[in-house]
C-alpha cells in the first residue's frame, strides 16, 4: 500500500528544485543512498521494514516485512509530494516529518497527509 503526502504552497512561494534537493539531503543525512531518478528523489534508508507491534499483535501484513525502506520525493514550486510504499511505522514517521518541514518553512496553504 502506498501513502502519498501532498504539501501545497502559494503560487511562486514554494521551494525551488534545488531547495528540495538540499532539504532532502539535509533531512536524511547519512542514509544508504539518495538519488534522482526521472525527477523523483529516491531515499533508501538503512535496513528493512519491520512490524512495530511484533510480539504484541499478530503480524497483519507479513508481505510488507523485510522490504527495502524507500521514501520518494518529487515536485517543487506549487507542490511537493512525499510517497511511501510498503512502509513500516518508522518510514512513515520520517516521511511525515519531512512533510511538516516543507509545510512549516515554506508556509504551505494545504497539507494532505494521505489519511
PDB file of N, CA and C in Angstrom:
ATOM      1  N   UNK A   1       0.832  -1.179   0.000  1.00  0.00           N
ATOM      2  CA  UNK A   1       0.000   0.000   0.000  1.00  0.00           C
ATOM      3  C   UNK A   1       0.878   1.245   0.000  1.00  0.00           C
ATOM      4  N   UNK A   2       0.547   2.186  -0.832  1.00  0.00           N
ATOM      5  CA  UNK A   2       1.293   3.441  -0.902  1.00  0.00           C
ATOM      6  C   UNK A   2       0.564   4.523  -0.116  1.00  0.00           C
ATOM      7  N   UNK A   3       1.323   5.452   0.402  1.00  0.00           N
ATOM      8  CA  UNK A   3       0.752   6.595   1.103  1.00  0.00           C
ATOM      9  C   UNK A   3       1.395   7.852   0.529  1.00  0.00           C
ATOM     10  N   UNK A   4       0.574   8.710  -0.062  1.00  0.00           N
ATOM     11  CA  UNK A   4       1.048   9.959  -0.650  1.00  0.00           C
ATOM     12  C   UNK A   4       0.718  11.111   0.282  1.00  0.00           C
ATOM     13  N   UNK A   5       1.698  11.977   0.464  1.00  0.00           N
ATOM     14  CA  UNK A   5       1.523  13.195   1.251  1.00  0.00           C
ATOM     15  C   UNK A   5       1.744  14.372   0.308  1.00  0.00           C
ATOM     16  N   UNK A   6       0.812  15.306   0.276  1.00  0.00           N
ATOM     17  CA  UNK A   6       0.904  16.454  -0.626  1.00  0.00           C
ATOM     18  C   UNK A   6       1.046  17.722   0.208  1.00  0.00           C
ATOM     19  N   UNK A   7       2.022  18.530  -0.150  1.00  0.00           N
ATOM     20  CA  UNK A   7       2.210  19.820   0.503  1.00  0.00           C
ATOM     21  C   UNK A   7       2.075  20.873  -0.594  1.00  0.00           C
ATOM     22  N   UNK A   8       1.073  21.733  -0.451  1.00  0.00           N
ATOM     23  CA  UNK A   8       0.806  22.749  -1.477  1.00  0.00           C
ATOM     24  C   UNK A   8       1.151  24.134  -0.933  1.00  0.00           C
ATOM     25  N   UNK A   9       1.673  24.955  -1.834  1.00  0.00           N
ATOM     26  CA  UNK A   9       2.178  26.274  -1.462  1.00  0.00           C
ATOM     27  C   UNK A   9       1.513  27.356  -2.300  1.00  0.00           C
ATOM     28  N   UNK A  10       1.530  28.592  -1.810  1.00  0.00           N
ATOM     29  CA  UNK A  10       1.015  29.693  -2.624  1.00  0.00           C
ATOM     30  C   UNK A  10       1.831  29.791  -3.914  1.00  0.00           C
ATOM     31  N   UNK A  11       1.187  30.220  -4.968  1.00  0.00           N
ATOM     32  CA  UNK A  11       1.863  30.342  -6.267  1.00  0.00           C
ATOM     33  C   UNK A  11       3.129  31.191  -6.134  1.00  0.00           C
ATOM     34  N   UNK A  12       4.234  30.635  -6.601  1.00  0.00           N
ATOM     35  CA  UNK A  12       5.507  31.338  -6.570  1.00  0.00           C
ATOM     36  C   UNK A  12       6.203  31.363  -5.225  1.00  0.00           C
ATOM     37  N   UNK A  13       5.639  30.712  -4.208  1.00  0.00           N
ATOM     38  CA  UNK A  13       6.204  30.780  -2.857  1.00  0.00           C
ATOM     39  C   UNK A  13       6.797  29.451  -2.366  1.00  0.00           C
ATOM     40  N   UNK A  14       6.611  28.379  -3.115  1.00  0.00           N
ATOM     41  CA  UNK A  14       7.101  27.074  -2.682  1.00  0.00           C
ATOM     42  C   UNK A  14       8.596  26.921  -2.938  1.00  0.00           C
ATOM     43  N   UNK A  15       9.151  25.792  -2.510  1.00  0.00           N
ATOM     44  CA  UNK A  15      10.589  25.572  -2.680  1.00  0.00           C
ATOM     45  C   UNK A  15      10.970  25.404  -4.153  1.00  0.00           C
ATOM     46  N   UNK A  16      12.155  25.884  -4.463  1.00  0.00           N
ATOM     47  CA  UNK A  16      12.719  25.701  -5.802  1.00  0.00           C
ATOM     48  C   UNK A  16      13.265  24.277  -5.904  1.00  0.00           C
ATOM     49  N   UNK A  17      13.516  23.844  -7.122  1.00  0.00           N
ATOM     50  CA  UNK A  17      14.016  22.481  -7.363  1.00  0.00           C
ATOM     51  C   UNK A  17      15.291  22.196  -6.556  1.00  0.00           C
ATOM     52  N   UNK A  18      16.233  23.121  -6.579  1.00  0.00           N
ATOM     53  CA  UNK A  18      17.482  22.923  -5.845  1.00  0.00           C
ATOM     54  C   UNK A  18      17.239  22.900  -4.338  1.00  0.00           C
ATOM     55  N   UNK A  19      16.291  23.696  -3.855  1.00  0.00           N
ATOM     56  CA  UNK A  19      15.993  23.713  -2.427  1.00  0.00           C
ATOM     57  C   UNK A  19      15.411  22.372  -1.969  1.00  0.00           C
ATOM     58  N   UNK A  20      14.574  21.768  -2.812  1.00  0.00           N
ATOM     59  CA  UNK A  20      14.033  20.442  -2.472  1.00  0.00           C
ATOM     60  C   UNK A  20      15.190  19.459  -2.324  1.00  0.00           C
ATOM     61  N   UNK A  21      16.127  19.487  -3.260  1.00  0.00           N
ATOM     62  CA  UNK A  21      17.291  18.589  -3.196  1.00  0.00           C
ATOM     63  C   UNK A  21      18.085  18.821  -1.917  1.00  0.00           C
ATOM     64  N   UNK A  22      18.317  20.081  -1.573  1.00  0.00           N
ATOM     65  CA  UNK A  22      19.085  20.391  -0.365  1.00  0.00           C
ATOM     66  C   UNK A  22      18.366  19.927   0.899  1.00  0.00           C
ATOM     67  N   UNK A  23      17.058  20.136   0.953  1.00  0.00           N
ATOM     68  CA  UNK A  23      16.286  19.719   2.126  1.00  0.00           C
ATOM     69  C   UNK A  23      16.280  18.196   2.261  1.00  0.00           C
ATOM     70  N   UNK A  24      16.077  17.504   1.162  1.00  0.00           N
ATOM     71  CA  UNK A  24      16.067  16.032   1.211  1.00  0.00           C
ATOM     72  C   UNK A  24      17.407  15.528   1.732  1.00  0.00           C
ATOM     73  N   UNK A  25      18.493  16.036   1.182  1.00  0.00           N
ATOM     74  CA  UNK A  25      19.829  15.592   1.622  1.00  0.00           C
ATOM     75  C   UNK A  25      20.097  15.993   3.074  1.00  0.00           C
ATOM     76  N   UNK A  26      19.719  17.194   3.448  1.00  0.00           N
ATOM     77  CA  UNK A  26      19.944  17.650   4.811  1.00  0.00           C
ATOM     78  C   UNK A  26      19.092  16.928   5.829  1.00  0.00           C
ATOM     79  N   UNK A  27      17.843  16.650   5.488  1.00  0.00           N
ATOM     80  CA  UNK A  27      16.925  15.994   6.413  1.00  0.00           C
ATOM     81  C   UNK A  27      17.362  14.567   6.698  1.00  0.00           C
ATOM     82  N   UNK A  28      17.742  13.833   5.659  1.00  0.00           N
ATOM     83  CA  UNK A  28      18.054  12.412   5.830  1.00  0.00           C
ATOM     84  C   UNK A  28      19.511  12.142   6.179  1.00  0.00           C
ATOM     85  N   UNK A  29      20.415  13.029   5.820  1.00  0.00           N
ATOM     86  CA  UNK A  29      21.807  12.847   6.195  1.00  0.00           C
ATOM     87  C   UNK A  29      22.391  11.538   5.682  1.00  0.00           C
ATOM     88  N   UNK A  30      22.956  10.758   6.589  1.00  0.00           N
ATOM     89  CA  UNK A  30      23.660   9.522   6.241  1.00  0.00           C
ATOM     90  C   UNK A  30      22.672   8.363   6.104  1.00  0.00           C
ATOM     91  N   UNK A  31      22.241   8.130   4.894  1.00  0.00           N
ATOM     92  CA  UNK A  31      21.353   7.012   4.590  1.00  0.00           C
ATOM     93  C   UNK A  31      22.050   6.115   3.571  1.00  0.00           C
ATOM     94  N   UNK A  32      21.410   5.032   3.226  1.00  0.00           N
ATOM     95  CA  UNK A  32      22.020   4.119   2.257  1.00  0.00           C
ATOM     96  C   UNK A  32      22.304   4.831   0.940  1.00  0.00           C
ATOM     97  N   UNK A  33      21.301   5.537   0.405  1.00  0.00           N
ATOM     98  CA  UNK A  33      21.528   6.315  -0.815  1.00  0.00           C
ATOM     99  C   UNK A  33      20.411   7.316  -1.014  1.00  0.00           C
ATOM    100  N   UNK A  34      20.751   8.380  -1.729  1.00  0.00           N
ATOM    101  CA  UNK A  34      19.778   9.365  -2.203  1.00  0.00           C
ATOM    102  C   UNK A  34      20.125   9.599  -3.661  1.00  0.00           C
ATOM    103  N   UNK A  35      19.164   9.331  -4.543  1.00  0.00           N
ATOM    104  CA  UNK A  35      19.432   9.522  -5.960  1.00  0.00           C
ATOM    105  C   UNK A  35      18.212  10.114  -6.651  1.00  0.00           C
ATOM    106  N   UNK A  36      18.482  10.855  -7.706  1.00  0.00           N
ATOM    107  CA  UNK A  36      17.430  11.455  -8.514  1.00  0.00           C
ATOM    108  C   UNK A  36      17.172  10.547  -9.712  1.00  0.00           C
ATOM    109  N   UNK A  37      15.945  10.022  -9.805  1.00  0.00           N
ATOM    110  CA  UNK A  37      15.567   9.126 -10.894  1.00  0.00           C
ATOM    111  C   UNK A  37      14.304   9.680 -11.545  1.00  0.00           C
ATOM    112  N   UNK A  38      14.413  10.089 -12.784  1.00  0.00           N
ATOM    113  CA  UNK A  38      13.271  10.622 -13.538  1.00  0.00           C
ATOM    114  C   UNK A  38      12.520  11.711 -12.781  1.00  0.00           C
ATOM    115  N   UNK A  39      13.255  12.617 -12.163  1.00  0.00           N
ATOM    116  CA  UNK A  39      12.640  13.742 -11.469  1.00  0.00           C
ATOM    117  C   UNK A  39      12.166  13.457 -10.058  1.00  0.00           C
ATOM    118  N   UNK A  40      12.399  12.239  -9.562  1.00  0.00           N
ATOM    119  CA  UNK A  40      11.981  11.854  -8.215  1.00  0.00           C
ATOM    120  C   UNK A  40      13.209  11.532  -7.375  1.00  0.00           C
ATOM    121  N   UNK A  41      13.264  12.112  -6.185  1.00  0.00           N
ATOM    122  CA  UNK A  41      14.330  11.772  -5.255  1.00  0.00           C
ATOM    123  C   UNK A  41      13.962  10.464  -4.568  1.00  0.00           C
ATOM    124  N   UNK A  42      14.801   9.450  -4.705  1.00  0.00           N
ATOM    125  CA  UNK A  42      14.602   8.167  -4.032  1.00  0.00           C
ATOM    126  C   UNK A  42      15.562   8.097  -2.860  1.00  0.00           C
ATOM    127  N   UNK A  43      14.998   8.019  -1.667  1.00  0.00           N
ATOM    128  CA  UNK A  43      15.792   7.940  -0.450  1.00  0.00           C
ATOM    129  C   UNK A  43      15.714   6.497   0.041  1.00  0.00           C
ATOM    130  N   UNK A  44      16.846   5.803   0.013  1.00  0.00           N
ATOM    131  CA  UNK A  44      16.908   4.427   0.505  1.00  0.00           C
ATOM    132  C   UNK A  44      17.505   4.461   1.904  1.00  0.00           C
ATOM    133  N   UNK A  45      16.692   4.040   2.863  1.00  0.00           N
ATOM    134  CA  UNK A  45      17.122   4.032   4.256  1.00  0.00           C
ATOM    135  C   UNK A  45      17.832   2.717   4.575  1.00  0.00           C
ATOM    136  N   UNK A  46      18.640   2.732   5.606  1.00  0.00           N
ATOM    137  CA  UNK A  46      19.311   1.515   6.047  1.00  0.00           C
ATOM    138  C   UNK A  46      18.281   0.527   6.597  1.00  0.00           C
ATOM    139  N   UNK A  47      18.528  -0.739   6.416  1.00  0.00           N
ATOM    140  CA  UNK A  47      17.678  -1.774   6.992  1.00  0.00           C
ATOM    141  C   UNK A  47      16.443  -2.058   6.171  1.00  0.00           C
ATOM    142  N   UNK A  48      15.665  -2.986   6.674  1.00  0.00           N
ATOM    143  CA  UNK A  48      14.423  -3.399   6.025  1.00  0.00           C
ATOM    144  C   UNK A  48      13.242  -3.085   6.916  1.00  0.00           C
ATOM    145  N   UNK A  49      12.059  -3.085   6.319  1.00  0.00           N
ATOM    146  CA  UNK A  49      10.843  -2.783   7.075  1.00  0.00           C
ATOM    147  C   UNK A  49      10.625  -3.818   8.174  1.00  0.00           C
ATOM    148  N   UNK A  50       9.870  -3.407   9.169  1.00  0.00           N
ATOM    149  CA  UNK A  50       9.614  -4.263  10.327  1.00  0.00           C
ATOM    150  C   UNK A  50       8.154  -4.141  10.739  1.00  0.00           C
ATOM    151  N   UNK A  51       7.754  -4.953  11.700  1.00  0.00           N
ATOM    152  CA  UNK A  51       6.410  -4.871  12.266  1.00  0.00           C
ATOM    153  C   UNK A  51       6.543  -4.302  13.663  1.00  0.00           C
ATOM    154  N   UNK A  52       6.073  -3.082  13.850  1.00  0.00           N
ATOM    155  CA  UNK A  52       6.301  -2.339  15.086  1.00  0.00           C
ATOM    156  C   UNK A  52       5.635  -2.943  16.314  1.00  0.00           C
ATOM    157  N   UNK A  53       4.657  -3.809  16.117  1.00  0.00           N
ATOM    158  CA  UNK A  53       3.982  -4.437  17.258  1.00  0.00           C
ATOM    159  C   UNK A  53       4.336  -5.923  17.375  1.00  0.00           C
ATOM    160  N   UNK A  54       5.505  -6.289  16.858  1.00  0.00           N
ATOM    161  CA  UNK A  54       5.927  -7.685  16.914  1.00  0.00           C
ATOM    162  C   UNK A  54       5.965  -8.163  18.360  1.00  0.00           C
ATOM    163  N   UNK A  55       5.366  -9.316  18.602  1.00  0.00           N
ATOM    164  CA  UNK A  55       5.300  -9.875  19.943  1.00  0.00           C
ATOM    165  C   UNK A  55       4.094  -9.407  20.731  1.00  0.00           C
ATOM    166  N   UNK A  56       3.412  -8.393  20.265  1.00  0.00           N
ATOM    167  CA  UNK A  56       2.223  -7.881  20.944  1.00  0.00           C
ATOM    168  C   UNK A  56       0.981  -8.223  20.137  1.00  0.00           C
ATOM    169  N   UNK A  57       1.053  -8.004  18.847  1.00  0.00           N
ATOM    170  CA  UNK A  57      -0.051  -8.273  17.935  1.00  0.00           C
ATOM    171  C   UNK A  57       0.429  -9.206  16.829  1.00  0.00           C
ATOM    172  N   UNK A  58      -0.477  -9.987  16.264  1.00  0.00           N
ATOM    173  CA  UNK A  58      -0.075 -10.810  15.115  1.00  0.00           C
ATOM    174  C   UNK A  58       0.381  -9.920  13.965  1.00  0.00           C
ATOM    175  N   UNK A  59       1.314 -10.420  13.195  1.00  0.00           N
ATOM    176  CA  UNK A  59       1.804  -9.680  12.037  1.00  0.00           C
ATOM    177  C   UNK A  59       0.703  -9.686  10.988  1.00  0.00           C
ATOM    178  N   UNK A  60       0.044  -8.554  10.817  1.00  0.00           N
ATOM    179  CA  UNK A  60      -1.103  -8.466   9.922  1.00  0.00           C
ATOM    180  C   UNK A  60      -0.705  -8.336   8.457  1.00  0.00           C
ATOM    181  N   UNK A  61       0.525  -7.926   8.204  1.00  0.00           N
ATOM    182  CA  UNK A  61       0.936  -7.719   6.823  1.00  0.00           C
ATOM    183  C   UNK A  61       2.321  -8.315   6.590  1.00  0.00           C
ATOM    184  N   UNK A  62       2.438  -9.636   6.649  1.00  0.00           N
ATOM    185  CA  UNK A  62       3.760 -10.243   6.512  1.00  0.00           C
ATOM    186  C   UNK A  62       4.419  -9.949   5.167  1.00  0.00           C
ATOM    187  N   UNK A  63       3.639  -9.699   4.141  1.00  0.00           N
ATOM    188  CA  UNK A  63       4.238  -9.419   2.837  1.00  0.00           C
ATOM    189  C   UNK A  63       5.003  -8.102   2.821  1.00  0.00           C
ATOM    190  N   UNK A  64       4.784  -7.246   3.815  1.00  0.00           N
ATOM    191  CA  UNK A  64       5.481  -5.966   3.883  1.00  0.00           C
ATOM    192  C   UNK A  64       6.796  -6.066   4.641  1.00  0.00           C
ATOM    193  N   UNK A  65       6.974  -7.137   5.395  1.00  0.00           N
ATOM    194  CA  UNK A  65       8.183  -7.289   6.207  1.00  0.00           C
ATOM    195  C   UNK A  65       9.404  -7.522   5.326  1.00  0.00           C
ATOM    196  N   UNK A  66      10.507  -7.047   5.812  1.00  0.00           N
ATOM    197  CA  UNK A  66      11.806  -7.259   5.161  1.00  0.00           C
ATOM    198  C   UNK A  66      11.877  -6.674   3.761  1.00  0.00           C
ATOM    199  N   UNK A  67      11.140  -5.633   3.518  1.00  0.00           N
ATOM    200  CA  UNK A  67      11.212  -4.911   2.244  1.00  0.00           C
ATOM    201  C   UNK A  67      12.140  -3.711   2.416  1.00  0.00           C
ATOM    202  N   UNK A  68      12.715  -3.290   1.319  1.00  0.00           N
ATOM    203  CA  UNK A  68      13.587  -2.133   1.326  1.00  0.00           C
ATOM    204  C   UNK A  68      12.808  -0.904   1.790  1.00  0.00           C
ATOM    205  N   UNK A  69      13.463  -0.060   2.582  1.00  0.00           N
ATOM    206  CA  UNK A  69      12.835   1.166   3.080  1.00  0.00           C
ATOM    207  C   UNK A  69      13.157   2.314   2.131  1.00  0.00           C
ATOM    208  N   UNK A  70      12.123   2.810   1.435  1.00  0.00           N
ATOM    209  CA  UNK A  70      12.317   3.875   0.452  1.00  0.00           C
ATOM    210  C   UNK A  70      11.271   4.971   0.653  1.00  0.00           C
ATOM    211  N   UNK A  71      11.714   6.211   0.550  1.00  0.00           N
ATOM    212  CA  UNK A  71      10.818   7.367   0.536  1.00  0.00           C
ATOM    213  C   UNK A  71      11.063   8.093  -0.780  1.00  0.00           C
ATOM    214  N   UNK A  72       9.991   8.455  -1.466  1.00  0.00           N
ATOM    215  CA  UNK A  72      10.080   9.162  -2.743  1.00  0.00           C
ATOM    216  C   UNK A  72       9.625  10.610  -2.549  1.00  0.00           C
ATOM    217  N   UNK A  73      10.388  11.528  -3.107  1.00  0.00           N
ATOM    218  CA  UNK A  73      10.052  12.950  -3.005  1.00  0.00           C
ATOM    219  C   UNK A  73      10.116  13.547  -4.407  1.00  0.00           C
ATOM    220  N   UNK A  74       9.037  14.165  -4.828  1.00  0.00           N
ATOM    221  CA  UNK A  74       9.055  14.816  -6.144  1.00  0.00           C
ATOM    222  C   UNK A  74       8.205  16.077  -6.128  1.00  0.00           C
ATOM    223  N   UNK A  75       8.521  16.913  -7.085  1.00  0.00           N
ATOM    224  CA  UNK A  75       7.814  18.177  -7.208  1.00  0.00           C
ATOM    225  C   UNK A  75       8.581  19.311  -6.557  1.00  0.00           C
ATOM    226  N   UNK A  76       8.212  20.505  -6.918  1.00  0.00           N
ATOM    227  CA  UNK A  76       8.752  21.732  -6.352  1.00  0.00           C
ATOM    228  C   UNK A  76       7.818  22.852  -6.802  1.00  0.00           C
ATOM    229  N   UNK A  77       8.043  24.038  -6.286  1.00  0.00           N
ATOM    230  CA  UNK A  77       7.178  25.156  -6.667  1.00  0.00           C
ATOM    231  C   UNK A  77       5.862  25.120  -5.928  1.00  0.00           C
ATOM    232  N   UNK A  78       4.790  24.784  -6.626  1.00  0.00           N
ATOM    233  CA  UNK A  78       3.464  24.832  -6.013  1.00  0.00           C
ATOM    234  C   UNK A  78       3.108  23.586  -5.208  1.00  0.00           C
ATOM    235  N   UNK A  79       3.834  22.462  -5.403  1.00  0.00           N
ATOM    236  CA  UNK A  79       3.508  21.245  -4.662  1.00  0.00           C
ATOM    237  C   UNK A  79       4.720  20.320  -4.559  1.00  0.00           C
ATOM    238  N   UNK A  80       4.897  19.758  -3.358  1.00  0.00           N
ATOM    239  CA  UNK A  80       5.871  18.695  -3.130  1.00  0.00           C
ATOM    240  C   UNK A  80       5.086  17.478  -2.672  1.00  0.00           C
ATOM    241  N   UNK A  81       5.397  16.328  -3.258  1.00  0.00           N
ATOM    242  CA  UNK A  81       4.728  15.081  -2.898  1.00  0.00           C
ATOM    243  C   UNK A  81       5.749  14.132  -2.286  1.00  0.00           C
ATOM    244  N   UNK A  82       5.373  13.529  -1.171  1.00  0.00           N
ATOM    245  CA  UNK A  82       6.239  12.580  -0.471  1.00  0.00           C
ATOM    246  C   UNK A  82       5.476  11.262  -0.392  1.00  0.00           C
ATOM    247  N   UNK A  83       6.060  10.206  -0.957  1.00  0.00           N
ATOM    248  CA  UNK A  83       5.373   8.928  -1.063  1.00  0.00           C
ATOM    249  C   UNK A  83       6.156   7.831  -0.364  1.00  0.00           C
ATOM    250  N   UNK A  84       5.422   6.973   0.339  1.00  0.00           N
ATOM    251  CA  UNK A  84       5.998   5.749   0.889  1.00  0.00           C
ATOM    252  C   UNK A  84       5.211   4.578   0.319  1.00  0.00           C
ATOM    253  N   UNK A  85       5.905   3.480   0.089  1.00  0.00           N
ATOM    254  CA  UNK A  85       5.267   2.262  -0.414  1.00  0.00           C
ATOM    255  C   UNK A  85       5.695   1.108   0.476  1.00  0.00           C
ATOM    256  N   UNK A  86       4.760   0.285   0.868  1.00  0.00           N
ATOM    257  CA  UNK A  86       5.059  -0.862   1.724  1.00  0.00           C
ATOM    258  C   UNK A  86       5.892  -0.441   2.929  1.00  0.00           C
ATOM    259  N   UNK A  87       5.529   0.657   3.538  1.00  0.00           N
ATOM    260  CA  UNK A  87       6.348   1.242   4.594  1.00  0.00           C
ATOM    261  C   UNK A  87       5.887   0.831   5.985  1.00  0.00           C
ATOM    262  N   UNK A  88       6.857   0.713   6.877  1.00  0.00           N
ATOM    263  CA  UNK A  88       6.554   0.465   8.280  1.00  0.00           C
ATOM    264  C   UNK A  88       6.376   1.811   8.997  1.00  0.00           C
ATOM    265  N   UNK A  89       6.101   1.743  10.298  1.00  0.00           N
ATOM    266  CA  UNK A  89       5.830   2.961  11.070  1.00  0.00           C
ATOM    267  C   UNK A  89       7.029   3.909  11.088  1.00  0.00           C
ATOM    268  N   UNK A  90       8.235   3.378  11.129  1.00  0.00           N
ATOM    269  CA  UNK A  90       9.446   4.202  11.151  1.00  0.00           C
ATOM    270  C   UNK A  90       9.558   5.039   9.881  1.00  0.00           C
ATOM    271  N   UNK A  91       9.389   4.406   8.740  1.00  0.00           N
ATOM    272  CA  UNK A  91       9.490   5.116   7.456  1.00  0.00           C
ATOM    273  C   UNK A  91       8.382   6.152   7.339  1.00  0.00           C
ATOM    274  N   UNK A  92       7.173   5.795   7.724  1.00  0.00           N
ATOM    275  CA  UNK A  92       6.070   6.753   7.654  1.00  0.00           C
ATOM    276  C   UNK A  92       6.293   7.948   8.577  1.00  0.00           C
ATOM    277  N   UNK A  93       6.887   7.721   9.744  1.00  0.00           N
ATOM    278  CA  UNK A  93       7.177   8.829  10.661  1.00  0.00           C
ATOM    279  C   UNK A  93       8.203   9.785  10.047  1.00  0.00           C
ATOM    280  N   UNK A  94       9.217   9.248   9.385  1.00  0.00           N
ATOM    281  CA  UNK A  94      10.203  10.098   8.716  1.00  0.00           C
ATOM    282  C   UNK A  94       9.553  10.906   7.587  1.00  0.00           C
ATOM    283  N   UNK A  95       8.723  10.258   6.794  1.00  0.00           N
ATOM    284  CA  UNK A  95       8.044  10.946   5.694  1.00  0.00           C
ATOM    285  C   UNK A  95       7.132  12.050   6.234  1.00  0.00           C
ATOM    286  N   UNK A  96       6.448  11.782   7.329  1.00  0.00           N
ATOM    287  CA  UNK A  96       5.592  12.806   7.946  1.00  0.00           C
ATOM    288  C   UNK A  96       6.426  13.986   8.437  1.00  0.00           C
ATOM    289  N   UNK A  97       7.591  13.701   9.017  1.00  0.00           N
ATOM    290  CA  UNK A  97       8.477  14.770   9.487  1.00  0.00           C
ATOM    291  C   UNK A  97       8.963  15.648   8.345  1.00  0.00           C
ATOM    292  N   UNK A  98       9.312  15.020   7.231  1.00  0.00           N
ATOM    293  CA  UNK A  98       9.747  15.784   6.066  1.00  0.00           C
ATOM    294  C   UNK A  98       8.604  16.643   5.533  1.00  0.00           C
ATOM    295  N   UNK A  99       7.408  16.087   5.501  1.00  0.00           N
ATOM    296  CA  UNK A  99       6.234  16.836   5.057  1.00  0.00           C
ATOM    297  C   UNK A  99       6.037  18.076   5.935  1.00  0.00           C
ATOM    298  N   UNK A 100       6.143  17.901   7.235  1.00  0.00           N
ATOM    299  CA  UNK A 100       5.963  19.023   8.160  1.00  0.00           C
ATOM    300  C   UNK A 100       7.042  20.082   7.989  1.00  0.00           C
ATOM    301  N   UNK A 101       8.262  19.655   7.706  1.00  0.00           N
ATOM    302  CA  UNK A 101       9.346  20.606   7.480  1.00  0.00           C
ATOM    303  C   UNK A 101       9.067  21.484   6.266  1.00  0.00           C
ATOM    304  N   UNK A 102       8.699  20.870   5.146  1.00  0.00           N
ATOM    305  CA  UNK A 102       8.367  21.654   3.956  1.00  0.00           C
ATOM    306  C   UNK A 102       7.195  22.592   4.251  1.00  0.00           C
ATOM    307  N   UNK A 103       6.179  22.077   4.908  1.00  0.00           N
ATOM    308  CA  UNK A 103       4.982  22.879   5.188  1.00  0.00           C
ATOM    309  C   UNK A 103       5.301  24.073   6.076  1.00  0.00           C
ATOM    310  N   UNK A 104       6.089  23.842   7.094  1.00  0.00           N
ATOM    311  CA  UNK A 104       6.400  24.901   8.052  1.00  0.00           C
ATOM    312  C   UNK A 104       7.303  25.978   7.429  1.00  0.00           C
ATOM    313  N   UNK A 105       8.371  25.562   6.770  1.00  0.00           N
ATOM    314  CA  UNK A 105       9.343  26.529   6.271  1.00  0.00           C
ATOM    315  C   UNK A 105       8.789  27.365   5.119  1.00  0.00           C
ATOM    316  N   UNK A 106       8.055  26.728   4.214  1.00  0.00           N
ATOM    317  CA  UNK A 106       7.540  27.456   3.046  1.00  0.00           C
ATOM    318  C   UNK A 106       6.072  27.863   3.228  1.00  0.00           C
ATOM    319  N   UNK A 107       5.563  27.781   4.443  1.00  0.00           N
ATOM    320  CA  UNK A 107       4.221  28.242   4.793  1.00  0.00           C
ATOM    321  C   UNK A 107       3.164  27.697   3.831  1.00  0.00           C
ATOM    322  N   UNK A 108       3.015  26.383   3.869  1.00  0.00           N
ATOM    323  CA  UNK A 108       2.072  25.696   2.985  1.00  0.00           C
ATOM    324  C   UNK A 108       0.657  26.212   3.174  1.00  0.00           C
ATOM    325  N   UNK A 109      -0.086  26.200   2.081  1.00  0.00           N
ATOM    326  CA  UNK A 109      -1.502  26.571   2.145  1.00  0.00           C
ATOM    327  C   UNK A 109      -2.359  25.351   2.417  1.00  0.00           C
ATOM    328  N   UNK A 110      -1.822  24.161   2.134  1.00  0.00           N
ATOM    329  CA  UNK A 110      -2.593  22.940   2.346  1.00  0.00           C
ATOM    330  C   UNK A 110      -1.636  21.764   2.550  1.00  0.00           C
ATOM    331  N   UNK A 111      -2.011  20.897   3.463  1.00  0.00           N
ATOM    332  CA  UNK A 111      -1.273  19.663   3.702  1.00  0.00           C
ATOM    333  C   UNK A 111      -2.290  18.527   3.624  1.00  0.00           C
ATOM    334  N   UNK A 112      -1.991  17.544   2.814  1.00  0.00           N
ATOM    335  CA  UNK A 112      -2.808  16.327   2.729  1.00  0.00           C
ATOM    336  C   UNK A 112      -1.888  15.180   3.106  1.00  0.00           C
ATOM    337  N   UNK A 113      -2.079  14.635   4.305  1.00  0.00           N
ATOM    338  CA  UNK A 113      -1.183  13.593   4.788  1.00  0.00           C
ATOM    339  C   UNK A 113      -1.582  12.185   4.372  1.00  0.00           C
ATOM    340  N   UNK A 114      -2.571  12.081   3.512  1.00  0.00           N
ATOM    341  CA  UNK A 114      -2.969  10.784   2.979  1.00  0.00           C
ATOM    342  C   UNK A 114      -3.921  10.002   3.860  1.00  0.00           C
ATOM    343  N   UNK A 115      -4.314  10.575   4.988  1.00  0.00           N
ATOM    344  CA  UNK A 115      -5.231   9.810   5.864  1.00  0.00           C
ATOM    345  C   UNK A 115      -6.673  10.100   5.549  1.00  0.00           C
TER     346      UNK A 115
END
